[in-house]
PDB file of N, CA and C in Angstrom:
ATOM      1  N   MET A   1     -10.020  16.541  11.652  1.00  0.00           N
ATOM      2  CA  MET A   1      -8.320  16.633  11.570  1.00  0.00           C
ATOM      3  C   MET A   1      -7.849  17.452  13.080  1.00  0.00           C
ATOM      4  N   GLU A   2      -8.625  18.576  13.160  1.00  0.00           N
ATOM      5  CA  GLU A   2      -8.380  18.515  14.421  1.00  0.00           C
ATOM      6  C   GLU A   2      -8.616  17.694  16.012  1.00  0.00           C
ATOM      7  N   ARG A   3      -9.708  17.255  15.750  1.00  0.00           N
ATOM      8  CA  ARG A   3      -9.656  16.678  16.527  1.00  0.00           C
ATOM      9  C   ARG A   3      -8.892  15.548  17.489  1.00  0.00           C
ATOM     10  N   LEU A   4      -8.785  14.768  15.440  1.00  0.00           N
ATOM     11  CA  LEU A   4      -7.844  14.168  15.560  1.00  0.00           C
ATOM     12  C   LEU A   4      -6.765  14.196  16.344  1.00  0.00           C
ATOM     13  N   ALA A   5      -6.099  15.202  15.623  1.00  0.00           N
ATOM     14  CA  ALA A   5      -5.005  16.282  15.698  1.00  0.00           C
ATOM     15  C   ALA A   5      -5.099  16.189  18.199  1.00  0.00           C
ATOM     16  N   ALA A   6      -6.269  16.711  18.548  1.00  0.00           N
ATOM     17  CA  ALA A   6      -6.009  16.906  19.998  1.00  0.00           C
ATOM     18  C   ALA A   6      -5.857  15.083  20.231  1.00  0.00           C
ATOM     19  N   ARG A   7      -6.985  14.666  19.799  1.00  0.00           N
ATOM     20  CA  ARG A   7      -6.224  13.433  20.869  1.00  0.00           C
ATOM     21  C   ARG A   7      -4.753  12.522  20.574  1.00  0.00           C
ATOM     22  N   LEU A   8      -3.770  13.188  19.669  1.00  0.00           N
ATOM     23  CA  LEU A   8      -2.454  12.163  19.948  1.00  0.00           C
ATOM     24  C   LEU A   8      -1.617  13.418  20.228  1.00  0.00           C
ATOM     25  N   ARG A   9      -1.916  13.974  19.969  1.00  0.00           N
ATOM     26  CA  ARG A   9      -1.302  14.907  21.250  1.00  0.00           C
ATOM     27  C   ARG A   9       0.111  14.280  22.279  1.00  0.00           C
ATOM     28  N   PRO A  10       1.455  14.189  21.985  1.00  0.00           N
ATOM     29  CA  PRO A  10       1.574  15.358  21.143  1.00  0.00           C
ATOM     30  C   PRO A  10       2.578  14.973  19.772  1.00  0.00           C
ATOM     31  N   ALA A  11       1.937  13.931  19.887  1.00  0.00           N
ATOM     32  CA  ALA A  11       2.147  13.676  17.823  1.00  0.00           C
ATOM     33  C   ALA A  11       1.583  14.772  17.356  1.00  0.00           C
ATOM     34  N   ARG A  12       2.461  14.729  15.395  1.00  0.00           N
ATOM     35  CA  ARG A  12       2.049  15.512  15.187  1.00  0.00           C
ATOM     36  C   ARG A  12       0.986  14.876  13.874  1.00  0.00           C
ATOM     37  N   LEU A  13       0.694  15.799  13.621  1.00  0.00           N
ATOM     38  CA  LEU A  13      -0.721  15.258  12.451  1.00  0.00           C
ATOM     39  C   LEU A  13      -0.918  15.823  11.200  1.00  0.00           C
ATOM     40  N   GLY A  14      -0.352  15.320   9.969  1.00  0.00           N
ATOM     41  CA  GLY A  14      -0.299  16.256   8.671  1.00  0.00           C
ATOM     42  C   GLY A  14      -1.303  15.910   7.856  1.00  0.00           C
ATOM     43  N   SER A  15      -1.685  16.169   6.583  1.00  0.00           N
ATOM     44  CA  SER A  15      -2.281  15.678   5.562  1.00  0.00           C
ATOM     45  C   SER A  15      -0.954  15.157   5.028  1.00  0.00           C
ATOM     46  N   SER A  16      -1.674  14.064   3.794  1.00  0.00           N
ATOM     47  CA  SER A  16      -1.132  14.061   2.456  1.00  0.00           C
ATOM     48  C   SER A  16      -0.765  14.571   1.391  1.00  0.00           C
ATOM     49  N   ASP A  17      -1.443  16.117   1.143  1.00  0.00           N
ATOM     50  CA  ASP A  17      -1.592  16.821   0.665  1.00  0.00           C
ATOM     51  C   ASP A  17       0.260  17.806   1.407  1.00  0.00           C
ATOM     52  N   ALA A  18      -0.147  17.929   2.241  1.00  0.00           N
ATOM     53  CA  ALA A  18       1.006  18.491   2.242  1.00  0.00           C
ATOM     54  C   ALA A  18       3.010  17.487   2.327  1.00  0.00           C
ATOM     55  N   LEU A  19       2.587  15.980   2.269  1.00  0.00           N
ATOM     56  CA  LEU A  19       3.825  15.420   2.307  1.00  0.00           C
ATOM     57  C   LEU A  19       3.893  15.136   0.026  1.00  0.00           C
ATOM     58  N   GLY A  20       2.793  15.590  -0.440  1.00  0.00           N
ATOM     59  CA  GLY A  20       2.901  15.897  -1.917  1.00  0.00           C
ATOM     60  C   GLY A  20       1.454  14.634  -2.526  1.00  0.00           C
ATOM     61  N   LEU A  21       1.334  14.078  -1.892  1.00  0.00           N
ATOM     62  CA  LEU A  21       0.158  13.020  -1.913  1.00  0.00           C
ATOM     63  C   LEU A  21      -0.993  13.332  -1.943  1.00  0.00           C
ATOM     64  N   ASP A  22      -1.818  14.144  -3.059  1.00  0.00           N
ATOM     65  CA  ASP A  22      -2.871  14.423  -3.449  1.00  0.00           C
ATOM     66  C   ASP A  22      -3.893  13.297  -2.570  1.00  0.00           C
ATOM     67  N   SER A  23      -4.827  14.092  -1.709  1.00  0.00           N
ATOM     68  CA  SER A  23      -5.813  13.701  -0.706  1.00  0.00           C
ATOM     69  C   SER A  23      -6.951  12.744  -1.930  1.00  0.00           C
ATOM     70  N   ASP A  24      -6.923  13.553  -2.597  1.00  0.00           N
ATOM     71  CA  ASP A  24      -8.412  13.316  -3.708  1.00  0.00           C
ATOM     72  C   ASP A  24      -8.117  11.452  -4.737  1.00  0.00           C
ATOM     73  N   ALA A  25      -6.377  11.790  -4.614  1.00  0.00           N
ATOM     74  CA  ALA A  25      -6.107  10.488  -5.344  1.00  0.00           C
ATOM     75  C   ALA A  25      -5.581   9.072  -4.188  1.00  0.00           C
ATOM     76  N   LYS A  26      -5.973   9.570  -2.643  1.00  0.00           N
ATOM     77  CA  LYS A  26      -5.110   8.454  -1.858  1.00  0.00           C
ATOM     78  C   LYS A  26      -4.977   7.095  -2.584  1.00  0.00           C
ATOM     79  N   GLU A  27      -6.574   6.602  -2.283  1.00  0.00           N
ATOM     80  CA  GLU A  27      -7.143   5.202  -2.840  1.00  0.00           C
ATOM     81  C   GLU A  27      -6.728   5.098  -4.106  1.00  0.00           C
ATOM     82  N   ALA A  28      -6.809   5.861  -5.215  1.00  0.00           N
ATOM     83  CA  ALA A  28      -6.124   4.820  -6.326  1.00  0.00           C
ATOM     84  C   ALA A  28      -4.920   4.483  -5.563  1.00  0.00           C
ATOM     85  N   TYR A  29      -3.640   5.773  -5.675  1.00  0.00           N
ATOM     86  CA  TYR A  29      -2.460   5.031  -5.241  1.00  0.00           C
ATOM     87  C   TYR A  29      -2.519   3.599  -3.901  1.00  0.00           C
ATOM     88  N   LEU A  30      -3.579   3.696  -3.406  1.00  0.00           N
ATOM     89  CA  LEU A  30      -3.601   1.948  -2.482  1.00  0.00           C
ATOM     90  C   LEU A  30      -3.824   1.063  -3.630  1.00  0.00           C
ATOM     91  N   PHE A  31      -4.639   1.356  -4.468  1.00  0.00           N
ATOM     92  CA  PHE A  31      -5.101  -0.016  -5.160  1.00  0.00           C
ATOM     93  C   PHE A  31      -4.228  -0.293  -6.294  1.00  0.00           C
ATOM     94  N   ALA A  32      -3.284   1.181  -6.870  1.00  0.00           N
ATOM     95  CA  ALA A  32      -1.747   0.512  -6.929  1.00  0.00           C
ATOM     96  C   ALA A  32      -1.098  -0.523  -6.209  1.00  0.00           C
ATOM     97  N   LEU A  33      -0.502  -0.228  -5.426  1.00  0.00           N
ATOM     98  CA  LEU A  33       0.319  -0.110  -4.552  1.00  0.00           C
ATOM     99  C   LEU A  33      -0.126  -1.992  -4.303  1.00  0.00           C
ATOM    100  N   ILE A  34      -1.586  -2.361  -3.595  1.00  0.00           N
ATOM    101  CA  ILE A  34      -1.528  -3.761  -3.639  1.00  0.00           C
ATOM    102  C   ILE A  34      -2.057  -4.357  -4.977  1.00  0.00           C
ATOM    103  N   GLY A  35      -2.307  -3.273  -5.974  1.00  0.00           N
ATOM    104  CA  GLY A  35      -1.865  -4.912  -7.346  1.00  0.00           C
ATOM    105  C   GLY A  35      -0.844  -4.973  -7.768  1.00  0.00           C
ATOM    106  N   PHE A  36       0.525  -4.088  -7.204  1.00  0.00           N
ATOM    107  CA  PHE A  36       2.355  -4.019  -6.897  1.00  0.00           C
ATOM    108  C   PHE A  36       2.136  -5.379  -6.677  1.00  0.00           C
ATOM    109  N   LEU A  37       1.493  -5.344  -5.091  1.00  0.00           N
ATOM    110  CA  LEU A  37       2.552  -6.569  -4.834  1.00  0.00           C
ATOM    111  C   LEU A  37       1.650  -7.368  -4.717  1.00  0.00           C
ATOM    112  N   THR A  38       0.287  -7.731  -4.711  1.00  0.00           N
ATOM    113  CA  THR A  38      -0.328  -8.836  -5.124  1.00  0.00           C
ATOM    114  C   THR A  38       0.110  -9.685  -6.434  1.00  0.00           C
ATOM    115  N   TRP A  39       0.787  -9.001  -7.700  1.00  0.00           N
ATOM    116  CA  TRP A  39       1.211  -9.308  -9.108  1.00  0.00           C
ATOM    117  C   TRP A  39       2.871 -10.058  -8.904  1.00  0.00           C
ATOM    118  N   HIS A  40       3.986  -9.296  -7.871  1.00  0.00           N
ATOM    119  CA  HIS A  40       4.732  -9.641  -7.504  1.00  0.00           C
ATOM    120  C   HIS A  40       4.820 -11.283  -5.973  1.00  0.00           C
ATOM    121  N   GLY A  41       3.640 -11.008  -6.525  1.00  0.00           N
ATOM    122  CA  GLY A  41       3.178 -12.178  -4.628  1.00  0.00           C
ATOM    123  C   GLY A  41       4.335 -12.470  -3.929  1.00  0.00           C
ATOM    124  N   ILE A  42       3.890 -10.400  -3.114  1.00  0.00           N
ATOM    125  CA  ILE A  42       4.266  -9.860  -2.058  1.00  0.00           C
ATOM    126  C   ILE A  42       3.349  -9.790  -0.950  1.00  0.00           C
ATOM    127  N   PRO A  43       3.608 -10.078   0.264  1.00  0.00           N
ATOM    128  CA  PRO A  43       2.759  -9.747   1.404  1.00  0.00           C
ATOM    129  C   PRO A  43       1.528  -8.404   1.272  1.00  0.00           C
ATOM    130  N   GLY A  44       0.274  -8.009   1.453  1.00  0.00           N
ATOM    131  CA  GLY A  44       0.180  -7.188   1.736  1.00  0.00           C
ATOM    132  C   GLY A  44      -0.043  -6.262   3.562  1.00  0.00           C
ATOM    133  N   SER A  45      -0.131  -7.113   4.028  1.00  0.00           N
ATOM    134  CA  SER A  45       0.236  -7.103   5.591  1.00  0.00           C
ATOM    135  C   SER A  45       1.178  -7.841   6.028  1.00  0.00           C
ATOM    136  N   VAL A  46       1.210  -7.213   7.334  1.00  0.00           N
ATOM    137  CA  VAL A  46       2.558  -7.961   8.811  1.00  0.00           C
ATOM    138  C   VAL A  46       1.305  -8.425   9.986  1.00  0.00           C
ATOM    139  N   PRO A  47       1.973 -10.357   9.564  1.00  0.00           N
ATOM    140  CA  PRO A  47       0.951 -10.530  11.146  1.00  0.00           C
ATOM    141  C   PRO A  47       1.059  -9.982  12.288  1.00  0.00           C
ATOM    142  N   ALA A  48       1.781  -8.797  12.736  1.00  0.00           N
ATOM    143  CA  ALA A  48       2.317  -9.388  14.056  1.00  0.00           C
ATOM    144  C   ALA A  48       0.885  -7.422  14.120  1.00  0.00           C
ATOM    145  N   CYS A  49       0.494  -6.858  12.949  1.00  0.00           N
ATOM    146  CA  CYS A  49      -0.315  -5.786  13.090  1.00  0.00           C
ATOM    147  C   CYS A  49      -1.564  -5.854  12.967  1.00  0.00           C
ATOM    148  N   THR A  50      -1.572  -7.583  12.237  1.00  0.00           N
ATOM    149  CA  THR A  50      -3.089  -7.267  12.116  1.00  0.00           C
ATOM    150  C   THR A  50      -3.386  -8.629  13.057  1.00  0.00           C
ATOM    151  N   GLY A  51      -2.929  -9.676  13.464  1.00  0.00           N
ATOM    152  CA  GLY A  51      -2.938 -10.419  14.414  1.00  0.00           C
ATOM    153  C   GLY A  51      -3.342 -12.081  13.891  1.00  0.00           C
ATOM    154  N   ALA A  52      -2.673 -11.516  11.948  1.00  0.00           N
ATOM    155  CA  ALA A  52      -3.046 -13.243  10.946  1.00  0.00           C
ATOM    156  C   ALA A  52      -1.792 -13.994  11.807  1.00  0.00           C
ATOM    157  N   ARG A  53      -2.272 -15.352  11.271  1.00  0.00           N
ATOM    158  CA  ARG A  53      -1.206 -16.014  11.548  1.00  0.00           C
ATOM    159  C   ARG A  53      -0.143 -16.567  10.668  1.00  0.00           C
ATOM    160  N   ARG A  54      -0.645 -15.233   9.472  1.00  0.00           N
ATOM    161  CA  ARG A  54       0.298 -15.626   8.383  1.00  0.00           C
ATOM    162  C   ARG A  54       0.022 -14.205   7.680  1.00  0.00           C
ATOM    163  N   ALA A  55       0.758 -14.061   6.413  1.00  0.00           N
ATOM    164  CA  ALA A  55       1.165 -12.724   5.831  1.00  0.00           C
ATOM    165  C   ALA A  55       0.722 -13.089   4.332  1.00  0.00           C
ATOM    166  N   PRO A  56      -0.819 -12.539   4.033  1.00  0.00           N
ATOM    167  CA  PRO A  56      -1.159 -13.588   2.940  1.00  0.00           C
ATOM    168  C   PRO A  56      -1.125 -12.237   1.662  1.00  0.00           C
ATOM    169  N   VAL A  57      -1.185 -12.820   0.595  1.00  0.00           N
ATOM    170  CA  VAL A  57      -0.407 -12.096  -0.956  1.00  0.00           C
ATOM    171  C   VAL A  57      -2.475 -11.961  -0.894  1.00  0.00           C
ATOM    172  N   ALA A  58      -2.498  -9.775  -0.534  1.00  0.00           N
ATOM    173  CA  ALA A  58      -4.148  -9.059  -0.249  1.00  0.00           C
ATOM    174  C   ALA A  58      -4.665  -8.976  -1.693  1.00  0.00           C
ATOM    175  N   GLY A  59      -4.758  -9.676  -2.375  1.00  0.00           N
ATOM    176  CA  GLY A  59      -5.549  -9.567  -3.581  1.00  0.00           C
ATOM    177  C   GLY A  59      -5.409 -11.243  -4.163  1.00  0.00           C
ATOM    178  N   ARG A  60      -6.383 -10.783  -5.688  1.00  0.00           N
ATOM    179  CA  ARG A  60      -6.392 -11.836  -6.668  1.00  0.00           C
ATOM    180  C   ARG A  60      -6.390 -11.310  -8.387  1.00  0.00           C
ATOM    181  N   ILE A  61      -5.641 -12.078  -8.758  1.00  0.00           N
ATOM    182  CA  ILE A  61      -6.039 -11.637 -10.008  1.00  0.00           C
ATOM    183  C   ILE A  61      -6.929 -12.538 -10.877  1.00  0.00           C
ATOM    184  N   THR A  62      -7.066 -12.418 -11.536  1.00  0.00           N
ATOM    185  CA  THR A  62      -8.371 -13.134 -12.259  1.00  0.00           C
ATOM    186  C   THR A  62      -8.094 -12.811 -14.110  1.00  0.00           C
ATOM    187  N   PRO A  63      -7.580 -13.427 -14.511  1.00  0.00           N
ATOM    188  CA  PRO A  63      -7.076 -13.585 -15.261  1.00  0.00           C
ATOM    189  C   PRO A  63      -8.051 -13.585 -16.962  1.00  0.00           C
ATOM    190  N   GLY A  64      -8.100 -12.589 -17.994  1.00  0.00           N
ATOM    191  CA  GLY A  64      -9.670 -12.206 -18.857  1.00  0.00           C
ATOM    192  C   GLY A  64      -9.289 -13.872 -19.564  1.00  0.00           C
ATOM    193  N   ALA A  65      -9.727 -13.591 -21.121  1.00  0.00           N
ATOM    194  CA  ALA A  65      -9.600 -15.036 -21.931  1.00  0.00           C
ATOM    195  C   ALA A  65      -8.341 -15.750 -22.452  1.00  0.00           C
ATOM    196  N   GLY A  66      -7.159 -14.942 -22.476  1.00  0.00           N
ATOM    197  CA  GLY A  66      -6.136 -15.541 -22.902  1.00  0.00           C
ATOM    198  C   GLY A  66      -4.855 -16.033 -21.135  1.00  0.00           C
ATOM    199  N   PRO A  67      -4.076 -16.774 -21.634  1.00  0.00           N
ATOM    200  CA  PRO A  67      -3.155 -17.822 -20.609  1.00  0.00           C
ATOM    201  C   PRO A  67      -2.920 -15.625 -19.436  1.00  0.00           C
ATOM    202  N   LEU A  68      -2.642 -16.247 -18.576  1.00  0.00           N
ATOM    203  CA  LEU A  68      -1.838 -14.495 -17.544  1.00  0.00           C
ATOM    204  C   LEU A  68      -0.512 -15.972 -16.908  1.00  0.00           C
ATOM    205  N   ARG A  69       0.482 -15.045 -17.277  1.00  0.00           N
ATOM    206  CA  ARG A  69       1.797 -15.180 -17.209  1.00  0.00           C
ATOM    207  C   ARG A  69       2.411 -14.119 -15.993  1.00  0.00           C
ATOM    208  N   LEU A  70       1.993 -14.623 -14.902  1.00  0.00           N
ATOM    209  CA  LEU A  70       2.928 -14.359 -13.545  1.00  0.00           C
ATOM    210  C   LEU A  70       3.933 -13.922 -13.395  1.00  0.00           C
ATOM    211  N   PRO A  71       4.568 -13.318 -12.978  1.00  0.00           N
ATOM    212  CA  PRO A  71       6.426 -13.460 -12.485  1.00  0.00           C
ATOM    213  C   PRO A  71       6.543 -14.148 -11.628  1.00  0.00           C
ATOM    214  N   GLU A  72       7.976 -14.233 -11.802  1.00  0.00           N
ATOM    215  CA  GLU A  72       8.128 -15.092 -10.504  1.00  0.00           C
ATOM    216  C   GLU A  72       7.717 -14.743  -8.560  1.00  0.00           C
ATOM    217  N   PRO A  73       7.324 -14.974  -8.216  1.00  0.00           N
ATOM    218  CA  PRO A  73       7.227 -13.891  -6.783  1.00  0.00           C
ATOM    219  C   PRO A  73       8.519 -13.598  -6.258  1.00  0.00           C
ATOM    220  N   ALA A  74       8.597 -12.333  -5.678  1.00  0.00           N
ATOM    221  CA  ALA A  74       9.454 -11.832  -5.470  1.00  0.00           C
ATOM    222  C   ALA A  74      10.802 -11.849  -4.564  1.00  0.00           C
ATOM    223  N   ALA A  75      11.749 -12.638  -5.140  1.00  0.00           N
ATOM    224  CA  ALA A  75      12.998 -13.332  -3.795  1.00  0.00           C
ATOM    225  C   ALA A  75      13.167 -12.423  -2.443  1.00  0.00           C
ATOM    226  N   ALA A  76      12.836 -11.038  -2.492  1.00  0.00           N
ATOM    227  CA  ALA A  76      13.135 -10.472  -1.351  1.00  0.00           C
ATOM    228  C   ALA A  76      11.864  -9.348  -1.362  1.00  0.00           C
ATOM    229  N   VAL A  77      11.288  -9.340   0.325  1.00  0.00           N
ATOM    230  CA  VAL A  77       9.738  -8.291   0.314  1.00  0.00           C
ATOM    231  C   VAL A  77      10.167  -7.123   1.213  1.00  0.00           C
ATOM    232  N   PRO A  78       9.916  -5.765  -0.139  1.00  0.00           N
ATOM    233  CA  PRO A  78      10.163  -4.512   0.532  1.00  0.00           C
ATOM    234  C   PRO A  78      10.428  -4.422   1.954  1.00  0.00           C
ATOM    235  N   GLN A  79      11.627  -3.201   2.152  1.00  0.00           N
ATOM    236  CA  GLN A  79      11.407  -2.735   3.339  1.00  0.00           C
ATOM    237  C   GLN A  79      10.472  -1.942   4.171  1.00  0.00           C
ATOM    238  N   ARG A  80       9.902  -0.828   2.725  1.00  0.00           N
ATOM    239  CA  ARG A  80       9.873   0.737   3.196  1.00  0.00           C
ATOM    240  C   ARG A  80       9.222   0.702   2.068  1.00  0.00           C
ATOM    241  N   LEU A  81       8.282   2.147   1.908  1.00  0.00           N
ATOM    242  CA  LEU A  81       8.230   2.425   0.483  1.00  0.00           C
ATOM    243  C   LEU A  81       8.283   4.413   0.368  1.00  0.00           C
ATOM    244  N   ARG A  82       9.042   3.935  -0.493  1.00  0.00           N
ATOM    245  CA  ARG A  82       8.642   6.226  -1.141  1.00  0.00           C
ATOM    246  C   ARG A  82       8.308   6.260  -2.465  1.00  0.00           C
ATOM    247  N   VAL A  83       7.115   7.869  -0.978  1.00  0.00           N
ATOM    248  CA  VAL A  83       6.230   8.374  -2.837  1.00  0.00           C
ATOM    249  C   VAL A  83       7.205   9.643  -3.125  1.00  0.00           C
ATOM    250  N   GLU A  84       7.290   9.652  -4.354  1.00  0.00           N
ATOM    251  CA  GLU A  84       7.695  10.960  -4.764  1.00  0.00           C
ATOM    252  C   GLU A  84       7.422  11.361  -5.891  1.00  0.00           C
ATOM    253  N   ALA A  85       6.964  13.098  -5.878  1.00  0.00           N
ATOM    254  CA  ALA A  85       5.732  14.052  -6.506  1.00  0.00           C
ATOM    255  C   ALA A  85       6.869  14.014  -7.867  1.00  0.00           C
ATOM    256  N   ARG A  86       6.814  13.308  -8.848  1.00  0.00           N
ATOM    257  CA  ARG A  86       7.399  14.295  -9.921  1.00  0.00           C
ATOM    258  C   ARG A  86       6.013  14.795 -11.223  1.00  0.00           C
ATOM    259  N   GLY A  87       6.558  16.076 -11.837  1.00  0.00           N
ATOM    260  CA  GLY A  87       6.144  16.854 -12.697  1.00  0.00           C
ATOM    261  C   GLY A  87       4.165  17.038 -12.418  1.00  0.00           C
ATOM    262  N   LEU A  88       4.672  17.560 -11.067  1.00  0.00           N
ATOM    263  CA  LEU A  88       3.476  18.013 -10.830  1.00  0.00           C
ATOM    264  C   LEU A  88       3.376  19.427 -10.305  1.00  0.00           C
TER     265      LEU A  88
END
C-alpha cells in the first residue's frame, strides 16, 4: 500500500476498511453486486472504460431443475453505488 500510495501521489490512497467495508469481504460484496446486476439485466461494465464495443451483462444465471423466472430488465441503469455499514 505504501509503494502504491507513493506512486499515486498527490492522490490519496486508503483502504476499504477505512470506508467501513471489511477488506476480507470485498470479493463477496463484488459477487453480490455482479449477481444483482445480472439478475436485473443491467450491464456490469462501461465500454468507455473497457474498450468493448458494447456493455454486456456480466454473468449468466443457470437455472436448477425448475423453471427460472427473471424480472424484466431494469428500465434505468444505476449511476452510482452507495454502501452503508449497518449494525456493525
